Amino acid sequence: MKDQNDWALETLAIRTGHKRTFEQEHSEAIFPTSSYVFSSAAEAAARFSGEVPGNIYSRLSNPTVRYFEERLAIMEGGESCVATASGMAAIMAVMIGLLKAGDHIVCSRSIFGTTTVFLNNFIGKFGVEISFVNLTDLNAWQAALKPNTRLLFAETPSNPLCDVVDIKALAKIAHQNNSLLVIDNCFCTPVLQQPLELGADIVVHSATKYLDGQGRCLGGAVIGDTETVGKEVFGVLRSGGVAMSPFNAWVFLKGLETLNLRMKAHSTSALALAQWLEQHSAIERVYFTGLVSHPQHTLVKQQQSDWGGIVSFEVKGGKEAAWRVIDHTHMISITANLGDAKTTITHPATTTHGRLTSEQRQEAGISDGLIRIAVGLENIEDIKVDLERGLNT
């Protein structure tokens, strides 16, 4: 008989993390409470001092949130998980928890626009030096390292151009410099990619995206070891209060149960859409990891189990043409969110990366004609028809 250590990922996503109460509920319970009662003053003191484990206050711990943390940690192959109020809160907790004035970080240019703004406008002003490099250029990562480099940060695949870095090679570069490697695994989830197994030290997620899968709640997560994540990053949560709500944690738990099926379906439809777009006369270029034309296609096959659901493409005619395609859709949702069962479409240059300078957008490869689509679970032919209306106008 198999025990939990032998279960497949899709089984772990359904069966782990749940400690049934005396009610013997089959579905995980929601604990909508801010605080917890102690049997005595002595027990309260022991809990607060850390001598005795247990719940104190829901900013620090909550049973439903803990279910989610334990399940995601197991799925990612980590020792500890800290759930946060949003994906950006997860990144903030890592940066505040692990960095101090005088430290240096190396970061990919190909990241979510808000992450770039957060690093430049907030982390930078507290005396942390930041160097941005080309995601796929390992020599650039190596050259950017300094004796005070504390961590390397990358999204792979990147948002929105789906560039991919060799995680094993980047981890080697980081560790030779006694630095930590942090990977944003939002696009792939643990179903398609296992950064910790490939050598990364920390994984961050926007649970808002694929982990939820239906665009219902905000949340984030940090996964790693018990010391760095379980103590240092958790310390930010304990004092800073960027905690996940119990209800949102319950929604994410339900999302994890179907994550394996959904990611396979997203990947299949996204590949079909990318291949169709690549043949369309109105398209300048398609960015998708599943295409043979993708520059890191071979690497993707080595470190991912499937392609993911994000397809970006440049239309001929710049911003005017891109907006025309977006505005002519009837079914696809015009929104910057992704990872939803509903297909979404956005113009990165004026939305997700709109707060960057034109020079920063150019460095990140965000052109005015670029469109990003998060392929949902609708019929693929319906998605094509909805796009073709604007492409043929």
Protein backbone atom coordinates (compact mmCIF):
# COMPACT_ATOMS: atom_id res chain seq x y z
CA MET A 1 0.00 0.00 0.00
CA LYS A 2 1.34 3.43 -0.96
CA ASP A 3 1.86 6.05 1.75
CA GLN A 4 1.83 9.80 1.19
CA ASN A 5 5.49 9.89 0.15
CA ASP A 6 4.66 7.71 -2.85
CA TRP A 7 1.57 9.56 -4.05
CA ALA A 8 1.49 11.26 -7.44
CA LEU A 9 1.15 15.04 -7.63
CA GLU A 10 -2.53 14.98 -8.55
CA THR A 11 -3.23 12.83 -5.46
CA LEU A 12 -1.20 15.12 -3.22
CA ALA A 13 -3.22 18.07 -4.54
CA ILE A 14 -6.43 16.45 -3.28
CA ARG A 15 -5.52 14.43 -0.21
CA THR A 16 -2.81 16.28 1.73
CA GLY A 17 -2.93 19.04 4.33
CA HIS A 18 -6.39 18.33 5.74
CA LYS A 19 -6.70 17.53 9.46
CA ARG A 20 -10.34 16.61 10.10
CA THR A 21 -12.03 18.11 13.14
CA PHE A 22 -14.23 16.16 15.57
CA GLU A 23 -17.09 16.76 13.11
CA GLN A 24 -15.33 14.47 10.60
CA GLU A 25 -16.04 16.77 7.65
CA HIS A 26 -15.09 15.44 4.21
CA SER A 27 -14.32 18.86 2.70
CA GLU A 28 -11.87 21.13 4.47
CA ALA A 29 -13.47 23.42 7.04
CA ILE A 30 -13.27 27.21 6.98
CA PHE A 31 -12.22 28.78 10.28
CA PRO A 32 -13.42 32.42 10.08
CA THR A 33 -11.96 33.54 13.39
CA SER A 34 -9.52 36.28 14.29
CA SER A 35 -8.38 34.79 17.61
CA TYR A 36 -8.27 31.59 19.67
CA VAL A 37 -9.17 30.76 23.27
CA PHE A 38 -6.68 29.37 25.79
CA SER A 39 -7.52 27.08 28.69
CA SER A 40 -5.42 29.15 31.10
CA ALA A 41 -3.11 32.13 31.40
CA ALA A 42 -0.19 29.72 31.49
CA GLU A 43 -1.22 28.13 28.20
CA ALA A 44 -1.58 31.57 26.61
CA ALA A 45 1.91 32.53 27.79
CA ALA A 46 3.39 29.28 26.47
CA ARG A 47 1.76 29.79 23.06
CA PHE A 48 2.94 33.40 22.77
CA SER A 49 6.49 32.52 23.81
CA GLY A 50 6.66 29.68 21.30
CA GLU A 51 7.27 27.03 23.94
CA VAL A 52 4.05 25.26 22.98
CA PRO A 53 2.83 25.14 19.36
CA GLY A 54 -0.70 26.20 18.51
CA ASN A 55 -2.90 28.99 17.23
CA ILE A 56 -2.64 32.47 18.73
CA TYR A 57 -4.09 34.93 16.24
CA SER A 58 -5.09 34.53 12.59
CA ARG A 59 -2.48 36.98 11.40
CA LEU A 60 0.03 34.36 12.50
CA SER A 61 -1.82 31.12 11.82
CA ASN A 62 -5.24 29.77 10.93
CA PRO A 63 -6.23 26.12 10.39
CA THR A 64 -7.66 26.67 6.90
CA VAL A 65 -4.65 28.73 5.82
CA ARG A 66 -2.38 26.06 7.27
CA TYR A 67 -4.14 23.38 5.18
CA PHE A 68 -3.33 25.38 2.06
CA GLU A 69 0.26 26.01 3.12
CA GLU A 70 0.94 22.35 3.88
CA ARG A 71 -0.61 21.16 0.63
CA LEU A 72 1.24 23.63 -1.59
CA ALA A 73 4.55 22.99 0.20
CA ILE A 74 4.18 19.26 -0.47
CA MET A 75 3.28 19.87 -4.12
CA GLU A 76 6.31 22.14 -4.64
CA GLY A 77 8.64 19.80 -2.77
CA GLY A 78 9.40 22.37 -0.07
CA GLU A 79 9.66 22.15 3.70
CA SER A 80 7.68 25.26 4.53
CA CYS A 81 5.09 27.56 2.95
CA VAL A 82 3.97 31.03 4.01
CA ALA A 83 0.62 32.13 2.57
CA THR A 84 0.14 35.85 1.96
CA ALA A 85 -2.62 38.29 1.01
CA SER A 86 -1.52 38.56 -2.64
CA GLY A 87 1.23 37.55 -5.03
CA MET A 88 2.93 40.92 -4.59
CA ALA A 89 2.71 40.48 -0.82
CA ALA A 90 4.61 37.21 -1.27
CA ILE A 91 7.39 38.99 -3.17
CA MET A 92 7.42 41.80 -0.61
CA ALA A 93 7.73 39.32 2.27
CA VAL A 94 10.74 37.69 0.59
CA MET A 95 12.47 41.00 -0.06
CA ILE A 96 11.81 42.51 3.37
CA GLY A 97 12.52 39.27 5.18
CA LEU A 98 15.84 38.49 3.51
CA LEU A 99 17.37 41.84 2.52
CA LYS A 100 18.97 44.70 4.43
CA ALA A 101 20.56 48.01 3.51
CA GLY A 102 23.80 47.41 1.61
CA ASP A 103 22.63 44.16 0.01
CA HIS A 104 22.48 43.66 -3.74
CA ILE A 105 20.02 41.65 -5.83
CA VAL A 106 20.13 40.61 -9.48
CA CYS A 107 16.76 40.50 -11.19
CA SER A 108 15.52 39.59 -14.63
CA ARG A 109 14.21 42.45 -16.75
CA SER A 110 11.46 40.13 -17.96
CA ILE A 111 9.18 40.27 -14.94
CA PHE A 112 5.72 41.52 -14.10
CA GLY A 113 5.65 45.31 -14.39
CA THR A 114 4.48 45.86 -10.81
CA THR A 115 7.42 43.80 -9.52
CA THR A 116 9.82 46.12 -11.35
CA VAL A 117 8.08 49.18 -9.90
CA PHE A 118 8.11 47.67 -6.40
CA LEU A 119 11.83 46.94 -6.54
CA ASN A 120 12.82 50.32 -7.99
CA ASN A 121 10.44 52.56 -6.03
CA PHE A 122 10.37 50.86 -2.65
CA ILE A 123 13.03 48.21 -2.05
CA GLY A 124 15.64 50.40 -3.74
CA LYS A 125 15.02 53.38 -1.49
CA PHE A 126 15.94 51.36 1.60
CA GLY A 127 19.53 50.99 0.46
CA VAL A 128 19.28 47.77 -1.53
CA GLU A 129 21.06 47.86 -4.88
CA ILE A 130 19.28 46.25 -7.84
CA SER A 131 20.77 45.11 -11.15
CA PHE A 132 18.49 44.07 -14.01
CA VAL A 133 19.71 41.57 -16.61
CA ASN A 134 18.46 39.68 -19.63
CA LEU A 135 16.62 36.59 -18.32
CA THR A 136 18.11 34.12 -20.79
CA ASP A 137 21.70 35.42 -20.75
CA LEU A 138 23.53 33.37 -18.11
CA ASN A 139 26.73 35.32 -18.72
CA ALA A 140 24.89 38.54 -17.83
CA TRP A 141 23.69 36.99 -14.55
CA GLN A 142 27.24 35.90 -13.74
CA ALA A 143 28.73 39.29 -14.60
CA ALA A 144 26.17 41.14 -12.45
CA LEU A 145 27.10 39.28 -9.26
CA LYS A 146 28.86 41.13 -6.45
CA PRO A 147 30.22 40.02 -3.07
CA ASN A 148 27.11 41.53 -1.42
CA THR A 149 24.60 39.88 -3.80
CA ARG A 150 22.03 38.28 -1.52
CA LEU A 151 19.60 36.83 -4.04
CA LEU A 152 18.72 36.35 -7.70
CA PHE A 153 15.09 36.76 -8.78
CA ALA A 154 13.49 35.48 -11.97
CA GLU A 155 10.14 34.61 -13.52
CA THR A 156 10.31 31.64 -15.83
CA PRO A 157 8.46 31.57 -18.15
CA SER A 158 8.43 35.34 -18.12
CA ASN A 159 5.46 37.70 -18.24
CA PRO A 160 4.39 38.30 -20.99
CA LEU A 161 6.98 37.09 -23.54
CA CYS A 162 7.37 33.54 -22.18
CA ASP A 163 11.16 33.65 -22.13
CA VAL A 164 12.70 30.78 -20.15
CA VAL A 165 15.91 30.51 -18.15
CA ASP A 166 17.84 27.35 -17.33
CA ILE A 167 16.96 27.04 -13.63
CA LYS A 168 19.67 24.45 -12.88
CA ALA A 169 22.36 26.63 -14.44
CA LEU A 170 21.10 29.77 -12.73
CA ALA A 171 20.98 27.99 -9.37
CA LYS A 172 24.61 26.97 -9.83
CA ILE A 173 25.58 30.58 -10.55
CA ALA A 174 23.71 31.78 -7.45
CA HIS A 175 25.12 29.15 -5.10
CA GLN A 176 28.71 29.66 -6.22
CA ASN A 177 28.27 33.24 -4.98
CA ASN A 178 26.50 32.15 -1.76
CA SER A 179 23.33 33.79 -3.05
CA LEU A 180 19.76 32.53 -3.01
CA LEU A 181 17.74 31.84 -6.16
CA VAL A 182 14.09 32.90 -6.06
CA ILE A 183 11.80 31.70 -8.86
CA ASP A 184 8.33 33.04 -9.59
CA ASN A 185 6.49 29.87 -10.67
CA CYS A 186 3.15 31.56 -11.36
CA PHE A 187 2.85 30.63 -15.04
CA CYS A 188 3.67 26.95 -14.58
CA THR A 189 2.54 26.02 -11.06
CA PRO A 190 4.04 22.90 -9.45
CA VAL A 191 2.11 20.80 -11.96
CA LEU A 192 4.28 21.89 -14.89
CA GLN A 193 7.55 22.90 -13.21
CA GLN A 194 9.40 22.11 -9.97
CA PRO A 195 11.96 24.90 -9.38
CA LEU A 196 13.10 23.59 -5.98
CA GLU A 197 13.93 20.22 -7.50
CA LEU A 198 15.92 22.05 -10.19
CA GLY A 199 18.02 23.87 -7.58
CA ALA A 200 16.07 27.03 -6.69
CA ASP A 201 15.95 27.99 -3.00
CA ILE A 202 12.59 29.75 -2.89
CA VAL A 203 9.44 29.66 -5.01
CA VAL A 204 6.85 32.44 -5.03
CA HIS A 205 3.30 32.29 -6.35
CA SER A 206 0.42 34.56 -7.07
CA ALA A 207 -2.27 32.14 -5.92
CA THR A 208 -4.72 34.56 -7.52
CA LYS A 209 -3.86 33.03 -10.90
CA TYR A 210 -3.81 29.31 -11.74
CA LEU A 211 -3.86 28.03 -8.16
CA ASP A 212 -7.35 29.49 -7.85
CA GLY A 213 -8.25 28.92 -11.47
CA GLN A 214 -11.48 30.90 -11.60
CA GLY A 215 -10.44 34.46 -10.75
CA ARG A 216 -12.21 34.57 -7.39
CA CYS A 217 -9.67 35.56 -4.73
CA LEU A 218 -6.37 37.32 -4.09
CA GLY A 219 -3.53 35.41 -2.49
CA GLY A 220 0.14 34.54 -2.65
CA ALA A 221 2.62 32.04 -1.29
CA VAL A 222 6.32 31.58 -0.57
CA ILE A 223 7.77 28.05 -0.45
CA GLY A 224 11.23 26.94 0.68
CA ASP A 225 13.04 25.56 3.71
CA THR A 226 12.08 25.81 7.38
CA GLU A 227 14.81 28.32 8.22
CA THR A 228 14.73 30.85 5.37
CA VAL A 229 11.00 30.71 4.64
CA GLY A 230 9.60 29.20 7.83
CA LYS A 231 11.36 31.73 10.07
CA GLU A 232 12.77 34.71 8.15
CA VAL A 233 9.94 35.19 5.63
CA PHE A 234 7.30 34.17 8.17
CA GLY A 235 8.63 36.87 10.49
CA VAL A 236 7.42 39.50 8.01
CA LEU A 237 3.95 37.97 8.06
CA ARG A 238 3.91 37.79 11.87
CA SER A 239 4.79 41.48 12.31
CA GLY A 240 3.67 42.98 9.01
CA GLY A 241 0.22 41.44 8.76
CA VAL A 242 0.11 40.54 5.05
CA ALA A 243 -1.84 37.39 5.93
CA MET A 244 -4.17 35.33 3.72
CA SER A 245 -7.81 35.19 4.74
CA PRO A 246 -9.29 31.80 5.74
CA PHE A 247 -11.98 32.01 3.07
CA ASN A 248 -9.43 32.69 0.32
CA ALA A 249 -7.29 29.79 1.56
CA TRP A 250 -10.32 27.50 1.31
CA VAL A 251 -10.96 28.65 -2.27
CA PHE A 252 -7.33 27.96 -3.18
CA LEU A 253 -7.53 24.51 -1.60
CA LYS A 254 -10.43 23.69 -3.89
CA GLY A 255 -8.47 25.12 -6.82
CA LEU A 256 -5.50 22.87 -6.12
CA GLU A 257 -7.71 19.80 -6.40
CA THR A 258 -8.30 20.42 -10.12
CA LEU A 259 -4.99 22.12 -10.92
CA ASN A 260 -3.48 19.12 -12.72
CA LEU A 261 -6.46 18.73 -15.06
CA ARG A 262 -6.73 22.45 -15.72
CA MET A 263 -3.05 23.03 -16.51
CA LYS A 264 -3.08 20.21 -19.06
CA ALA A 265 -6.22 21.63 -20.68
CA HIS A 266 -4.82 25.19 -20.72
CA SER A 267 -1.60 23.91 -22.29
CA THR A 268 -3.36 21.94 -25.02
CA SER A 269 -5.58 24.83 -26.06
CA ALA A 270 -2.76 27.37 -25.85
CA LEU A 271 -0.60 25.30 -28.20
CA ALA A 272 -3.44 25.03 -30.72
CA LEU A 273 -4.04 28.80 -30.54
CA ALA A 274 -0.34 29.66 -30.88
CA GLN A 275 0.05 27.43 -33.94
CA TRP A 276 -3.01 29.05 -35.52
CA LEU A 277 -1.79 32.59 -34.77
CA GLU A 278 1.65 31.83 -36.16
CA GLN A 279 0.06 31.22 -39.57
CA HIS A 280 -2.11 34.36 -39.55
CA SER A 281 -1.13 37.14 -41.94
CA ALA A 282 -1.92 39.90 -39.42
CA ILE A 283 0.60 38.56 -36.90
CA GLU A 284 4.21 39.70 -36.74
CA ARG A 285 5.42 37.21 -34.12
CA VAL A 286 4.03 34.71 -31.60
CA TYR A 287 5.61 34.08 -28.18
CA PHE A 288 4.77 30.63 -26.81
CA THR A 289 7.01 27.98 -25.28
CA GLY A 290 5.31 25.13 -27.17
CA LEU A 291 6.25 26.43 -30.61
CA VAL A 292 9.33 24.96 -32.25
CA SER A 293 10.20 28.56 -33.19
CA HIS A 294 10.51 29.51 -29.50
CA PRO A 295 14.23 30.10 -28.79
CA GLN A 296 14.19 28.01 -25.59
CA HIS A 297 11.84 25.30 -26.84
CA THR A 298 14.33 22.49 -26.16
CA LEU A 299 15.05 23.78 -22.65
CA VAL A 300 11.33 24.01 -21.92
CA LYS A 301 10.92 20.34 -22.79
CA GLN A 302 13.66 19.51 -20.29
CA GLN A 303 12.44 21.48 -17.26
CA GLN A 304 8.67 21.69 -17.79
CA SER A 305 6.14 18.88 -18.20
CA ASP A 306 3.89 21.00 -20.47
CA TRP A 307 3.71 24.42 -22.11
CA GLY A 308 1.37 26.48 -19.94
CA GLY A 309 -1.56 28.65 -20.98
CA ILE A 310 -0.02 32.05 -21.86
CA VAL A 311 0.25 33.11 -25.50
CA SER A 312 1.55 36.54 -26.48
CA PHE A 313 1.79 37.91 -29.99
CA GLU A 314 2.63 41.08 -31.88
CA VAL A 315 0.18 42.33 -34.47
CA LYS A 316 1.20 44.38 -37.46
CA GLY A 317 0.21 48.03 -37.03
CA GLY A 318 1.30 48.73 -33.44
CA LYS A 319 -0.95 49.96 -30.67
CA GLU A 320 -3.87 50.92 -32.94
CA ALA A 321 -4.02 47.44 -34.45
CA ALA A 322 -3.59 45.75 -31.05
CA TRP A 323 -6.43 47.75 -29.51
CA ARG A 324 -8.60 46.97 -32.53
CA VAL A 325 -8.11 43.23 -32.01
CA ILE A 326 -8.92 43.55 -28.31
CA ASP A 327 -11.98 45.78 -28.83
CA HIS A 328 -13.47 43.48 -31.48
CA THR A 329 -13.66 40.50 -29.12
CA HIS A 330 -17.15 39.59 -27.91
CA MET A 331 -16.48 36.58 -25.69
CA ILE A 332 -12.91 36.96 -24.44
CA SER A 333 -12.64 39.05 -21.26
CA ILE A 334 -10.61 42.27 -21.48
CA THR A 335 -8.79 42.07 -18.17
CA ALA A 336 -5.19 41.89 -16.98
CA ASN A 337 -5.77 38.87 -14.74
CA LEU A 338 -4.70 35.41 -15.92
CA GLY A 339 -5.08 31.78 -14.92
CA ASP A 340 -8.87 31.90 -15.16
CA ALA A 341 -11.21 29.35 -16.69
CA LYS A 342 -12.30 32.30 -18.86
CA THR A 343 -9.90 33.40 -21.60
CA THR A 344 -8.53 36.88 -20.94
CA ILE A 345 -6.81 39.41 -23.17
CA THR A 346 -4.77 42.50 -22.38
CA HIS A 347 -2.42 45.08 -23.93
CA PRO A 348 0.69 44.87 -21.68
CA ALA A 349 2.23 48.20 -22.75
CA THR A 350 -0.75 50.12 -21.34
CA THR A 351 -1.83 47.78 -18.51
CA THR A 352 0.49 45.34 -16.72
CA HIS A 353 3.62 47.24 -17.81
CA GLY A 354 2.01 50.65 -18.18
CA ARG A 355 3.85 52.18 -15.20
CA LEU A 356 7.24 51.44 -16.70
CA THR A 357 9.06 54.08 -18.68
CA SER A 358 9.20 53.66 -22.45
CA GLU A 359 12.90 52.77 -22.08
CA GLN A 360 12.10 50.07 -19.51
CA ARG A 361 9.38 48.62 -21.74
CA GLN A 362 11.76 48.59 -24.68
CA GLU A 363 14.41 46.79 -22.61
CA ALA A 364 11.81 44.23 -21.52
CA GLY A 365 10.62 43.71 -25.12
CA ILE A 366 7.13 45.11 -24.52
CA SER A 367 6.14 46.62 -27.86
CA ASP A 368 3.04 48.69 -28.60
CA GLY A 369 1.71 45.91 -30.84
CA LEU A 370 1.99 43.19 -28.19
CA ILE A 371 -1.11 41.37 -26.94
CA ARG A 372 -1.16 38.79 -24.15
CA ILE A 373 -3.79 36.07 -23.98
CA ALA A 374 -4.32 33.72 -21.05
CA VAL A 375 -6.07 30.83 -22.79
CA GLY A 376 -9.03 29.57 -20.80
CA LEU A 377 -11.10 26.43 -20.90
CA GLU A 378 -13.63 27.41 -23.56
CA ASN A 379 -13.79 25.60 -26.88
CA ILE A 380 -10.66 26.52 -28.82
CA GLU A 381 -12.59 27.19 -32.04
CA ASP A 382 -14.74 29.76 -30.24
CA ILE A 383 -11.59 31.52 -29.03
CA LYS A 384 -10.18 31.62 -32.57
CA VAL A 385 -13.41 33.04 -34.01
CA ASP A 386 -13.47 35.76 -31.35
CA LEU A 387 -9.91 36.82 -32.18
CA GLU A 388 -10.27 36.54 -35.93
CA ARG A 389 -12.90 39.25 -35.96
CA GLY A 390 -10.33 41.89 -34.98
CA LEU A 391 -7.42 40.33 -36.83
CA ASN A 392 -9.33 40.48 -40.13
CA THR A 393 -10.62 44.03 -39.67
